Amino acid sequence: MSVTNETSVAVIGLGTMGHGIVQAFAVGGYPVRGFDEQPGSRSSAVERIAGNLEQLTEAGLIEEAAVPDVLGRITVCDTLEETVAGAGFVTEAAWEDLAVKQELFGKLEALVSTETILASNSSSFKISETARDLDHPERAVVTHWFNPPHVIPVVEVVGGERTSEATVTTAVEMLEGIGKMAVRVDKELTGFLVNRVQVAMMREIWDLLDRGVATAAEIDRAIRGSMGLRLAALGPLAIGDYAGWDIATATFENLVQDMRGDTEIPGRIRQLVEDGQLGAKTGQGLFSYPAEELPGQLARRDADYLALVRLLHGGSAADGGPA
């Protein structure tokens, strides 16, 4: 199971995640075909990618002269069949619904070679579940990208009970080859690695907000200027090494009994969802996103991310552990 830059990549789903995944592979030199069931997503995909590429050139992460070649490697197709024909690597970026992903994988298997790798961009579902009904589950793997996928370096790579070593190795090599930080997760768990840590952190943060310990703005400001800065530079386990595990364990024991440990969503966050205040996508969440200001807000967000990527990762992958 080998993949080269001549191998065609197919991405199914061109929404928030999919168009950025298309872009990342195209920047990495692969010919990429993309498909989405929604005509609007298909028609706007190249324009959105071009806008992303403009940000990358402004950040100095890609040469402006390279942009036409990148866009030239991208084809948006009108059918699933056309998209995956001859593809060596197919990744789905469909709605996070297990039944939807299982059905899509079934369709894909009927359309591609037995050697074609089928990757799922699920943020929580095990590939053993998504690929449960495949005749060839050995070529199925999770490649979990993070939003925005053309900016955030890490992609988690997670095999399942029946995934072959060759499939996992090839996925890691492909992602590293396009400049991503491919993190191999050796044990298949719901939510993999990063999202499990993220959900544990969010449970406590949401509880602090719900209890009125600080405002949303102050909570964000506190985290950005302390642990957020240290995590971006080192990672949590290296931070523990530098702090000393005697201090870290004492702090844990002093706090853990007083911290939230249940599985209920706090009232403040649940109310946001019930009121339809879902964040940037609806114009209002804990903060406001007026329609006329949202493009600028998103551009500033991505510019800040890109500045950090360039500073901490040189624009591509980086190793873990202390510097």
C-alpha atoms as a PDB file:
ATOM      1  CA  MET A   1       0.000   0.000   0.000  1.00  0.00           C
ATOM      2  CA  SER A   2       2.005   2.960  -1.302  1.00  0.00           C
ATOM      3  CA  VAL A   3       1.028   6.535  -2.028  1.00  0.00           C
ATOM      4  CA  THR A   4       2.984   9.128  -4.017  1.00  0.00           C
ATOM      5  CA  ASN A   5       2.292  12.720  -5.033  1.00  0.00           C
ATOM      6  CA  GLU A   6       0.825  11.279  -8.224  1.00  0.00           C
ATOM      7  CA  THR A   7      -1.850   9.552  -6.158  1.00  0.00           C
ATOM      8  CA  SER A   8      -5.243  11.175  -6.390  1.00  0.00           C
ATOM      9  CA  VAL A   9      -6.856  12.243  -3.116  1.00  0.00           C
ATOM     10  CA  ALA A  10     -10.630  12.541  -2.756  1.00  0.00           C
ATOM     11  CA  VAL A  11     -12.431  14.514  -0.044  1.00  0.00           C
ATOM     12  CA  ILE A  12     -16.140  13.953   0.571  1.00  0.00           C
ATOM     13  CA  GLY A  13     -17.764  16.950   2.207  1.00  0.00           C
ATOM     14  CA  LEU A  14     -16.683  20.538   1.448  1.00  0.00           C
ATOM     15  CA  GLY A  15     -18.045  22.361   4.474  1.00  0.00           C
ATOM     16  CA  THR A  16     -16.166  23.819   7.438  1.00  0.00           C
ATOM     17  CA  MET A  17     -13.597  21.008   7.534  1.00  0.00           C
ATOM     18  CA  GLY A  18     -13.629  19.468   4.067  1.00  0.00           C
ATOM     19  CA  HIS A  19     -12.565  22.477   2.009  1.00  0.00           C
ATOM     20  CA  GLY A  20      -9.585  23.025   4.322  1.00  0.00           C
ATOM     21  CA  ILE A  21      -8.563  19.375   3.990  1.00  0.00           C
ATOM     22  CA  VAL A  22      -8.725  19.688   0.202  1.00  0.00           C
ATOM     23  CA  GLN A  23      -6.499  22.751   0.456  1.00  0.00           C
ATOM     24  CA  ALA A  24      -3.940  21.052   2.725  1.00  0.00           C
ATOM     25  CA  PHE A  25      -3.463  18.131   0.334  1.00  0.00           C
ATOM     26  CA  ALA A  26      -3.300  20.432  -2.694  1.00  0.00           C
ATOM     27  CA  VAL A  27      -0.673  22.625  -1.008  1.00  0.00           C
ATOM     28  CA  GLY A  28       1.203  19.403  -0.278  1.00  0.00           C
ATOM     29  CA  GLY A  29       1.344  18.583  -3.978  1.00  0.00           C
ATOM     30  CA  TYR A  30      -1.497  16.067  -4.387  1.00  0.00           C
ATOM     31  CA  PRO A  31      -4.164  16.254  -7.090  1.00  0.00           C
ATOM     32  CA  VAL A  32      -7.417  16.517  -5.124  1.00  0.00           C
ATOM     33  CA  ARG A  33     -11.034  16.018  -6.084  1.00  0.00           C
ATOM     34  CA  GLY A  34     -13.815  17.163  -3.778  1.00  0.00           C
ATOM     35  CA  PHE A  35     -17.552  16.564  -3.550  1.00  0.00           C
ATOM     36  CA  ASP A  36     -20.450  17.771  -1.417  1.00  0.00           C
ATOM     37  CA  GLU A  37     -24.126  16.928  -1.729  1.00  0.00           C
ATOM     38  CA  GLN A  38     -24.965  20.612  -1.260  1.00  0.00           C
ATOM     39  CA  PRO A  39     -24.579  22.565  -4.518  1.00  0.00           C
ATOM     40  CA  GLY A  40     -23.759  25.730  -2.584  1.00  0.00           C
ATOM     41  CA  SER A  41     -20.830  24.065  -0.847  1.00  0.00           C
ATOM     42  CA  ARG A  42     -19.520  22.804  -4.188  1.00  0.00           C
ATOM     43  CA  SER A  43     -19.840  26.145  -5.951  1.00  0.00           C
ATOM     44  CA  SER A  44     -18.163  28.130  -3.167  1.00  0.00           C
ATOM     45  CA  ALA A  45     -15.360  25.687  -2.298  1.00  0.00           C
ATOM     46  CA  VAL A  46     -12.655  27.064  -4.594  1.00  0.00           C
ATOM     47  CA  GLU A  47     -13.443  30.654  -3.621  1.00  0.00           C
ATOM     48  CA  ARG A  48     -13.147  29.774   0.074  1.00  0.00           C
ATOM     49  CA  ILE A  49      -9.876  27.956  -0.526  1.00  0.00           C
ATOM     50  CA  ALA A  50      -8.514  30.927  -2.498  1.00  0.00           C
ATOM     51  CA  GLY A  51      -9.332  33.165   0.447  1.00  0.00           C
ATOM     52  CA  ASN A  52      -7.501  30.817   2.795  1.00  0.00           C
ATOM     53  CA  LEU A  53      -4.474  30.763   0.503  1.00  0.00           C
ATOM     54  CA  GLU A  54      -4.370  34.540   0.516  1.00  0.00           C
ATOM     55  CA  GLN A  55      -4.089  34.417   4.324  1.00  0.00           C
ATOM     56  CA  LEU A  56      -1.258  31.897   4.067  1.00  0.00           C
ATOM     57  CA  THR A  57       0.663  34.128   1.663  1.00  0.00           C
ATOM     58  CA  GLU A  58       0.180  37.140   3.940  1.00  0.00           C
ATOM     59  CA  ALA A  59       1.547  35.059   6.842  1.00  0.00           C
ATOM     60  CA  GLY A  60       4.563  34.057   4.777  1.00  0.00           C
ATOM     61  CA  LEU A  61       3.675  30.348   4.880  1.00  0.00           C
ATOM     62  CA  ILE A  62       3.260  29.945   1.118  1.00  0.00           C
ATOM     63  CA  GLU A  63       4.670  31.831  -1.850  1.00  0.00           C
ATOM     64  CA  GLU A  64       2.129  33.875  -3.797  1.00  0.00           C
ATOM     65  CA  ALA A  65       3.556  32.443  -7.022  1.00  0.00           C
ATOM     66  CA  ALA A  66       2.577  28.942  -5.856  1.00  0.00           C
ATOM     67  CA  VAL A  67      -1.133  29.726  -5.456  1.00  0.00           C
ATOM     68  CA  PRO A  68      -2.190  29.127  -9.101  1.00  0.00           C
ATOM     69  CA  ASP A  69      -0.536  25.696  -9.064  1.00  0.00           C
ATOM     70  CA  VAL A  70      -2.283  24.805  -5.794  1.00  0.00           C
ATOM     71  CA  LEU A  71      -5.675  25.825  -7.168  1.00  0.00           C
ATOM     72  CA  GLY A  72      -4.893  23.974 -10.385  1.00  0.00           C
ATOM     73  CA  ARG A  73      -4.576  20.727  -8.445  1.00  0.00           C
ATOM     74  CA  ILE A  74      -8.153  21.045  -7.120  1.00  0.00           C
ATOM     75  CA  THR A  75     -11.221  19.725  -8.949  1.00  0.00           C
ATOM     76  CA  VAL A  76     -14.731  20.021  -7.544  1.00  0.00           C
ATOM     77  CA  CYS A  77     -16.943  17.230  -8.877  1.00  0.00           C
ATOM     78  CA  ASP A  78     -20.704  16.900  -9.262  1.00  0.00           C
ATOM     79  CA  THR A  79     -20.975  13.224  -8.307  1.00  0.00           C
ATOM     80  CA  LEU A  80     -19.516  10.913  -5.714  1.00  0.00           C
ATOM     81  CA  GLU A  81     -18.552   8.426  -8.420  1.00  0.00           C
ATOM     82  CA  GLU A  82     -16.515  10.980 -10.375  1.00  0.00           C
ATOM     83  CA  THR A  83     -14.816  12.196  -7.196  1.00  0.00           C
ATOM     84  CA  VAL A  84     -13.430   8.849  -6.055  1.00  0.00           C
ATOM     85  CA  ALA A  85     -12.670   7.272  -9.443  1.00  0.00           C
ATOM     86  CA  GLY A  86      -9.052   6.101  -9.332  1.00  0.00           C
ATOM     87  CA  ALA A  87      -8.387   7.694  -5.940  1.00  0.00           C
ATOM     88  CA  GLY A  88      -5.729   6.144  -3.724  1.00  0.00           C
ATOM     89  CA  PHE A  89      -6.784   7.991  -0.570  1.00  0.00           C
ATOM     90  CA  VAL A  90     -10.362   9.024   0.267  1.00  0.00           C
ATOM     91  CA  THR A  91     -11.303  10.979   3.375  1.00  0.00           C
ATOM     92  CA  GLU A  92     -14.815  11.783   4.471  1.00  0.00           C
ATOM     93  CA  ALA A  93     -15.680  15.037   6.210  1.00  0.00           C
ATOM     94  CA  ALA A  94     -19.383  14.370   6.553  1.00  0.00           C
ATOM     95  CA  TRP A  95     -21.773  15.303   9.364  1.00  0.00           C
ATOM     96  CA  GLU A  96     -20.756  13.836  12.745  1.00  0.00           C
ATOM     97  CA  ASP A  97     -23.408  11.115  12.743  1.00  0.00           C
ATOM     98  CA  LEU A  98     -22.341   7.471  12.949  1.00  0.00           C
ATOM     99  CA  ALA A  99     -25.110   6.137  10.703  1.00  0.00           C
ATOM    100  CA  VAL A 100     -24.280   8.754   8.047  1.00  0.00           C
ATOM    101  CA  LYS A 101     -20.600   7.836   8.107  1.00  0.00           C
ATOM    102  CA  GLN A 102     -21.295   4.092   8.010  1.00  0.00           C
ATOM    103  CA  GLU A 103     -23.598   4.511   5.010  1.00  0.00           C
ATOM    104  CA  LEU A 104     -21.052   6.682   3.223  1.00  0.00           C
ATOM    105  CA  PHE A 105     -18.248   4.181   3.838  1.00  0.00           C
ATOM    106  CA  GLY A 106     -20.458   1.449   2.379  1.00  0.00           C
ATOM    107  CA  LYS A 107     -20.989   3.496  -0.769  1.00  0.00           C
ATOM    108  CA  LEU A 108     -17.303   4.322  -1.036  1.00  0.00           C
ATOM    109  CA  GLU A 109     -16.168   0.726  -0.715  1.00  0.00           C
ATOM    110  CA  ALA A 110     -18.302  -0.208  -3.704  1.00  0.00           C
ATOM    111  CA  LEU A 111     -16.674   2.514  -5.821  1.00  0.00           C
ATOM    112  CA  VAL A 112     -12.950   2.242  -5.074  1.00  0.00           C
ATOM    113  CA  SER A 113     -10.117  -0.248  -5.320  1.00  0.00           C
ATOM    114  CA  THR A 114      -9.463  -2.638  -2.446  1.00  0.00           C
ATOM    115  CA  GLU A 115      -6.105  -0.854  -2.066  1.00  0.00           C
ATOM    116  CA  THR A 116      -7.681   2.567  -1.578  1.00  0.00           C
ATOM    117  CA  ILE A 117      -7.380   3.932   1.960  1.00  0.00           C
ATOM    118  CA  LEU A 118     -10.679   5.119   3.457  1.00  0.00           C
ATOM    119  CA  ALA A 119     -10.151   7.769   6.118  1.00  0.00           C
ATOM    120  CA  SER A 120     -12.745   9.246   8.454  1.00  0.00           C
ATOM    121  CA  ASN A 121     -12.487  12.766   9.831  1.00  0.00           C
ATOM    122  CA  SER A 122     -14.658  11.866  12.812  1.00  0.00           C
ATOM    123  CA  SER A 123     -14.014  13.784  16.013  1.00  0.00           C
ATOM    124  CA  SER A 124     -15.367  11.023  18.240  1.00  0.00           C
ATOM    125  CA  PHE A 125     -16.369   7.776  16.482  1.00  0.00           C
ATOM    126  CA  LYS A 126     -13.976   4.824  16.475  1.00  0.00           C
ATOM    127  CA  ILE A 127     -13.043   3.556  13.035  1.00  0.00           C
ATOM    128  CA  SER A 128     -14.027   0.067  14.222  1.00  0.00           C
ATOM    129  CA  GLU A 129     -17.589   1.426  14.413  1.00  0.00           C
ATOM    130  CA  THR A 130     -17.545   3.436  11.197  1.00  0.00           C
ATOM    131  CA  ALA A 131     -15.980   0.574   9.195  1.00  0.00           C
ATOM    132  CA  ARG A 132     -17.972  -2.162  10.940  1.00  0.00           C
ATOM    133  CA  ASP A 133     -19.737  -3.394   7.800  1.00  0.00           C
ATOM    134  CA  LEU A 134     -16.880  -3.065   5.303  1.00  0.00           C
ATOM    135  CA  ASP A 135     -15.588  -6.108   3.440  1.00  0.00           C
ATOM    136  CA  HIS A 136     -12.065  -4.672   3.705  1.00  0.00           C
ATOM    137  CA  PRO A 137     -11.844  -2.856   7.059  1.00  0.00           C
ATOM    138  CA  GLU A 138      -8.066  -3.210   7.058  1.00  0.00           C
ATOM    139  CA  ARG A 139      -7.832  -0.099   4.844  1.00  0.00           C
ATOM    140  CA  ALA A 140     -10.005   2.116   7.112  1.00  0.00           C
ATOM    141  CA  VAL A 141      -8.477   4.639   9.515  1.00  0.00           C
ATOM    142  CA  VAL A 142      -9.390   7.797  11.422  1.00  0.00           C
ATOM    143  CA  THR A 143      -7.541  10.945  10.402  1.00  0.00           C
ATOM    144  CA  HIS A 144      -8.947  13.554  12.767  1.00  0.00           C
ATOM    145  CA  TRP A 145      -8.197  17.108  11.667  1.00  0.00           C
ATOM    146  CA  PHE A 146      -8.817  20.211  13.793  1.00  0.00           C
ATOM    147  CA  ASN A 147     -10.605  23.384  12.766  1.00  0.00           C
ATOM    148  CA  PRO A 148      -9.416  25.259  10.757  1.00  0.00           C
ATOM    149  CA  PRO A 149      -7.732  22.244   9.139  1.00  0.00           C
ATOM    150  CA  HIS A 150      -5.549  24.225   6.741  1.00  0.00           C
ATOM    151  CA  VAL A 151      -4.013  26.006   9.753  1.00  0.00           C
ATOM    152  CA  ILE A 152      -3.892  23.691  12.792  1.00  0.00           C
ATOM    153  CA  PRO A 153      -0.850  21.387  12.498  1.00  0.00           C
ATOM    154  CA  VAL A 154      -2.077  18.279  14.337  1.00  0.00           C
ATOM    155  CA  VAL A 155      -3.994  15.436  12.696  1.00  0.00           C
ATOM    156  CA  GLU A 156      -4.697  12.421  14.901  1.00  0.00           C
ATOM    157  CA  VAL A 157      -4.256   9.053  13.166  1.00  0.00           C
ATOM    158  CA  VAL A 158      -6.122   6.191  14.811  1.00  0.00           C
ATOM    159  CA  GLY A 159      -6.421   2.633  13.570  1.00  0.00           C
ATOM    160  CA  GLY A 160      -9.058   0.162  14.659  1.00  0.00           C
ATOM    161  CA  GLU A 161      -9.158  -3.485  15.667  1.00  0.00           C
ATOM    162  CA  ARG A 162      -8.936  -4.568  12.019  1.00  0.00           C
ATOM    163  CA  THR A 163      -6.907  -1.704  10.529  1.00  0.00           C
ATOM    164  CA  SER A 164      -3.637  -2.871   8.993  1.00  0.00           C
ATOM    165  CA  GLU A 165      -0.291  -1.469  10.061  1.00  0.00           C
ATOM    166  CA  ALA A 166       0.357  -0.496   6.442  1.00  0.00           C
ATOM    167  CA  THR A 167      -2.766   1.683   6.404  1.00  0.00           C
ATOM    168  CA  VAL A 168      -1.793   3.553   9.573  1.00  0.00           C
ATOM    169  CA  THR A 169       1.813   3.988   8.452  1.00  0.00           C
ATOM    170  CA  THR A 170       0.785   5.252   5.017  1.00  0.00           C
ATOM    171  CA  ALA A 171      -1.669   7.765   6.504  1.00  0.00           C
ATOM    172  CA  VAL A 172       0.997   9.080   8.883  1.00  0.00           C
ATOM    173  CA  GLU A 173       3.549   9.385   6.076  1.00  0.00           C
ATOM    174  CA  MET A 174       1.099  11.196   3.798  1.00  0.00           C
ATOM    175  CA  LEU A 175       0.152  13.713   6.467  1.00  0.00           C
ATOM    176  CA  GLU A 176       3.738  14.328   7.544  1.00  0.00           C
ATOM    177  CA  GLY A 177       4.608  14.733   3.870  1.00  0.00           C
ATOM    178  CA  ILE A 178       2.179  17.636   3.459  1.00  0.00           C
ATOM    179  CA  GLY A 179       3.542  19.373   6.557  1.00  0.00           C
ATOM    180  CA  LYS A 180       1.001  18.257   9.144  1.00  0.00           C
ATOM    181  CA  MET A 181       1.905  17.021  12.607  1.00  0.00           C
ATOM    182  CA  ALA A 182       0.535  13.464  12.388  1.00  0.00           C
ATOM    183  CA  VAL A 183       0.027  12.105  15.903  1.00  0.00           C
ATOM    184  CA  ARG A 184      -0.401   8.345  16.015  1.00  0.00           C
ATOM    185  CA  VAL A 185      -2.854   7.289  18.740  1.00  0.00           C
ATOM    186  CA  ASP A 186      -2.024   3.714  19.705  1.00  0.00           C
ATOM    187  CA  LYS A 187      -5.221   2.818  21.582  1.00  0.00           C
ATOM    188  CA  GLU A 188      -8.668   3.234  20.054  1.00  0.00           C
ATOM    189  CA  LEU A 189     -10.865   5.257  22.418  1.00  0.00           C
ATOM    190  CA  THR A 190     -14.009   7.282  21.847  1.00  0.00           C
ATOM    191  CA  GLY A 191     -12.832  10.828  21.135  1.00  0.00           C
ATOM    192  CA  PHE A 192      -9.232   9.637  20.607  1.00  0.00           C
ATOM    193  CA  LEU A 193      -6.722  11.854  22.482  1.00  0.00           C
ATOM    194  CA  VAL A 194      -7.115  15.612  22.084  1.00  0.00           C
ATOM    195  CA  ASN A 195     -10.901  15.794  22.344  1.00  0.00           C
ATOM    196  CA  ARG A 196     -10.880  13.750  25.559  1.00  0.00           C
ATOM    197  CA  VAL A 197      -8.525  16.305  27.104  1.00  0.00           C
ATOM    198  CA  GLN A 198     -10.533  19.161  25.630  1.00  0.00           C
ATOM    199  CA  VAL A 199     -13.864  17.888  26.970  1.00  0.00           C
ATOM    200  CA  ALA A 200     -12.383  17.392  30.448  1.00  0.00           C
ATOM    201  CA  MET A 201     -11.139  20.988  30.402  1.00  0.00           C
ATOM    202  CA  MET A 202     -14.407  22.367  29.022  1.00  0.00           C
ATOM    203  CA  ARG A 203     -16.424  20.621  31.737  1.00  0.00           C
ATOM    204  CA  GLU A 204     -14.588  22.638  34.387  1.00  0.00           C
ATOM    205  CA  ILE A 205     -14.569  25.877  32.394  1.00  0.00           C
ATOM    206  CA  TRP A 206     -18.303  25.658  31.712  1.00  0.00           C
ATOM    207  CA  ASP A 207     -18.901  24.996  35.417  1.00  0.00           C
ATOM    208  CA  LEU A 208     -16.849  28.040  36.422  1.00  0.00           C
ATOM    209  CA  LEU A 209     -18.916  30.156  34.017  1.00  0.00           C
ATOM    210  CA  ASP A 210     -22.178  28.661  35.269  1.00  0.00           C
ATOM    211  CA  ARG A 211     -21.259  29.410  38.889  1.00  0.00           C
ATOM    212  CA  GLY A 212     -20.378  33.016  38.096  1.00  0.00           C
ATOM    213  CA  VAL A 213     -16.751  32.632  39.159  1.00  0.00           C
ATOM    214  CA  ALA A 214     -15.743  35.015  36.341  1.00  0.00           C
ATOM    215  CA  THR A 215     -17.200  36.398  33.133  1.00  0.00           C
ATOM    216  CA  ALA A 216     -16.725  34.607  29.820  1.00  0.00           C
ATOM    217  CA  ALA A 217     -14.284  37.294  28.684  1.00  0.00           C
ATOM    218  CA  GLU A 218     -12.230  37.066  31.884  1.00  0.00           C
ATOM    219  CA  ILE A 219     -12.109  33.263  31.765  1.00  0.00           C
ATOM    220  CA  ASP A 220     -10.792  33.385  28.205  1.00  0.00           C
ATOM    221  CA  ARG A 221      -8.303  36.115  29.095  1.00  0.00           C
ATOM    222  CA  ALA A 222      -7.021  34.154  32.085  1.00  0.00           C
ATOM    223  CA  ILE A 223      -6.510  30.929  30.125  1.00  0.00           C
ATOM    224  CA  ARG A 224      -4.947  32.623  27.084  1.00  0.00           C
ATOM    225  CA  GLY A 225      -2.393  34.436  29.211  1.00  0.00           C
ATOM    226  CA  SER A 226      -1.378  31.484  31.389  1.00  0.00           C
ATOM    227  CA  MET A 227      -1.889  27.800  30.685  1.00  0.00           C
ATOM    228  CA  GLY A 228      -2.782  28.455  27.047  1.00  0.00           C
ATOM    229  CA  LEU A 229       0.580  30.076  26.457  1.00  0.00           C
ATOM    230  CA  ARG A 230       2.467  27.294  28.250  1.00  0.00           C
ATOM    231  CA  LEU A 231       0.532  24.515  26.525  1.00  0.00           C
ATOM    232  CA  ALA A 232       1.262  25.961  23.088  1.00  0.00           C
ATOM    233  CA  ALA A 233       4.967  26.182  23.851  1.00  0.00           C
ATOM    234  CA  LEU A 234       5.565  22.907  25.702  1.00  0.00           C
ATOM    235  CA  GLY A 235       2.609  20.552  26.168  1.00  0.00           C
ATOM    236  CA  PRO A 236       1.073  19.443  29.484  1.00  0.00           C
ATOM    237  CA  LEU A 237       3.477  16.651  30.411  1.00  0.00           C
ATOM    238  CA  ALA A 238       6.619  18.677  29.743  1.00  0.00           C
ATOM    239  CA  ILE A 239       5.072  21.455  31.868  1.00  0.00           C
ATOM    240  CA  GLY A 240       4.716  18.903  34.678  1.00  0.00           C
ATOM    241  CA  ASP A 241       8.362  17.953  34.335  1.00  0.00           C
ATOM    242  CA  TYR A 242       9.484  21.553  34.630  1.00  0.00           C
ATOM    243  CA  ALA A 243       7.133  22.334  37.542  1.00  0.00           C
ATOM    244  CA  GLY A 244       8.035  19.148  39.423  1.00  0.00           C
ATOM    245  CA  TRP A 245       5.699  16.209  39.937  1.00  0.00           C
ATOM    246  CA  ASP A 246       5.666  16.707  43.714  1.00  0.00           C
ATOM    247  CA  ILE A 247       4.054  20.122  43.185  1.00  0.00           C
ATOM    248  CA  ALA A 248       1.812  18.919  40.349  1.00  0.00           C
ATOM    249  CA  THR A 249       0.432  15.961  42.322  1.00  0.00           C
ATOM    250  CA  ALA A 250      -0.093  18.056  45.454  1.00  0.00           C
ATOM    251  CA  THR A 251      -2.050  20.623  43.430  1.00  0.00           C
ATOM    252  CA  PHE A 252      -4.114  17.820  41.887  1.00  0.00           C
ATOM    253  CA  GLU A 253      -4.984  16.338  45.284  1.00  0.00           C
ATOM    254  CA  ASN A 254      -5.866  19.734  46.746  1.00  0.00           C
ATOM    255  CA  LEU A 255      -8.262  20.618  43.923  1.00  0.00           C
ATOM    256  CA  VAL A 256      -9.740  17.487  42.403  1.00  0.00           C
ATOM    257  CA  GLN A 257     -12.326  16.817  45.130  1.00  0.00           C
ATOM    258  CA  ASP A 258     -13.802  20.283  44.618  1.00  0.00           C
ATOM    259  CA  MET A 259     -13.970  20.074  40.831  1.00  0.00           C
ATOM    260  CA  ARG A 260     -16.882  19.108  38.635  1.00  0.00           C
ATOM    261  CA  GLY A 261     -16.938  15.399  37.872  1.00  0.00           C
ATOM    262  CA  ASP A 262     -20.414  14.610  36.526  1.00  0.00           C
ATOM    263  CA  THR A 263     -21.651  14.249  32.940  1.00  0.00           C
ATOM    264  CA  GLU A 264     -24.332  16.954  32.892  1.00  0.00           C
ATOM    265  CA  ILE A 265     -24.010  20.026  30.678  1.00  0.00           C
ATOM    266  CA  PRO A 266     -24.155  23.140  32.908  1.00  0.00           C
ATOM    267  CA  GLY A 267     -27.303  25.254  32.685  1.00  0.00           C
ATOM    268  CA  ARG A 268     -25.716  28.330  31.097  1.00  0.00           C
ATOM    269  CA  ILE A 269     -24.359  26.366  28.136  1.00  0.00           C
ATOM    270  CA  ARG A 270     -27.509  24.264  27.745  1.00  0.00           C
ATOM    271  CA  GLN A 271     -29.580  27.463  27.645  1.00  0.00           C
ATOM    272  CA  LEU A 272     -27.446  28.835  24.817  1.00  0.00           C
ATOM    273  CA  VAL A 273     -28.212  25.748  22.738  1.00  0.00           C
ATOM    274  CA  GLU A 274     -31.936  25.845  23.566  1.00  0.00           C
ATOM    275  CA  ASP A 275     -32.070  29.525  22.594  1.00  0.00           C
ATOM    276  CA  GLY A 276     -30.305  28.862  19.296  1.00  0.00           C
ATOM    277  CA  GLN A 277     -27.355  31.020  20.315  1.00  0.00           C
ATOM    278  CA  LEU A 278     -24.771  28.605  18.900  1.00  0.00           C
ATOM    279  CA  GLY A 279     -21.890  31.021  18.449  1.00  0.00           C
ATOM    280  CA  ALA A 280     -20.379  32.454  15.273  1.00  0.00           C
ATOM    281  CA  LYS A 281     -22.609  30.350  13.001  1.00  0.00           C
ATOM    282  CA  THR A 282     -25.753  32.053  14.367  1.00  0.00           C
ATOM    283  CA  GLY A 283     -24.299  35.464  15.161  1.00  0.00           C
ATOM    284  CA  GLN A 284     -24.558  35.091  18.925  1.00  0.00           C
ATOM    285  CA  GLY A 285     -23.108  32.813  21.566  1.00  0.00           C
ATOM    286  CA  LEU A 286     -21.300  33.913  24.690  1.00  0.00           C
ATOM    287  CA  PHE A 287     -19.942  36.692  22.444  1.00  0.00           C
ATOM    288  CA  SER A 288     -21.483  38.551  19.500  1.00  0.00           C
ATOM    289  CA  TYR A 289     -20.725  37.992  15.798  1.00  0.00           C
ATOM    290  CA  PRO A 290     -22.670  40.542  13.684  1.00  0.00           C
ATOM    291  CA  ALA A 291     -22.993  39.393  10.070  1.00  0.00           C
ATOM    292  CA  GLU A 292     -21.097  42.409   8.748  1.00  0.00           C
ATOM    293  CA  GLU A 293     -18.226  41.837  11.205  1.00  0.00           C
ATOM    294  CA  LEU A 294     -17.959  38.038  11.097  1.00  0.00           C
ATOM    295  CA  PRO A 295     -15.645  37.786   8.039  1.00  0.00           C
ATOM    296  CA  GLY A 296     -13.189  40.112   9.737  1.00  0.00           C
ATOM    297  CA  GLN A 297     -13.478  38.241  13.029  1.00  0.00           C
ATOM    298  CA  LEU A 298     -12.730  34.935  11.315  1.00  0.00           C
ATOM    299  CA  ALA A 299      -9.824  36.461   9.404  1.00  0.00           C
ATOM    300  CA  ARG A 300      -8.309  37.804  12.624  1.00  0.00           C
ATOM    301  CA  ARG A 301      -8.767  34.426  14.304  1.00  0.00           C
ATOM    302  CA  ASP A 302      -6.983  32.605  11.496  1.00  0.00           C
ATOM    303  CA  ALA A 303      -4.250  35.253  11.316  1.00  0.00           C
ATOM    304  CA  ASP A 304      -3.577  34.781  15.041  1.00  0.00           C
ATOM    305  CA  TYR A 305      -3.469  31.001  14.603  1.00  0.00           C
ATOM    306  CA  LEU A 306      -1.103  31.324  11.649  1.00  0.00           C
ATOM    307  CA  ALA A 307       1.220  33.615  13.593  1.00  0.00           C
ATOM    308  CA  LEU A 308       1.440  31.003  16.350  1.00  0.00           C
ATOM    309  CA  VAL A 309       1.992  28.179  13.853  1.00  0.00           C
ATOM    310  CA  ARG A 310       4.803  30.106  12.234  1.00  0.00           C
ATOM    311  CA  LEU A 311       6.370  30.971  15.609  1.00  0.00           C
ATOM    312  CA  LEU A 312       6.073  27.579  17.291  1.00  0.00           C
ATOM    313  CA  HIS A 313       6.119  25.108  14.421  1.00  0.00           C
ATOM    314  CA  GLY A 314       7.905  26.865  11.596  1.00  0.00           C
ATOM    315  CA  GLY A 315       4.777  26.567   9.491  1.00  0.00           C
ATOM    316  CA  SER A 316       4.695  22.757   9.611  1.00  0.00           C
ATOM    317  CA  ALA A 317       5.186  19.815  11.959  1.00  0.00           C
ATOM    318  CA  ALA A 318       7.133  19.753  15.218  1.00  0.00           C
ATOM    319  CA  ASP A 319       8.199  17.130  17.714  1.00  0.00           C
ATOM    320  CA  GLY A 320       6.930  16.819  21.259  1.00  0.00           C
ATOM    321  CA  GLY A 321       8.919  16.954  24.488  1.00  0.00           C
ATOM    322  CA  PRO A 322      10.992  19.726  26.004  1.00  0.00           C
ATOM    323  CA  ALA A 323      12.847  22.173  23.799  1.00  0.00           C
END
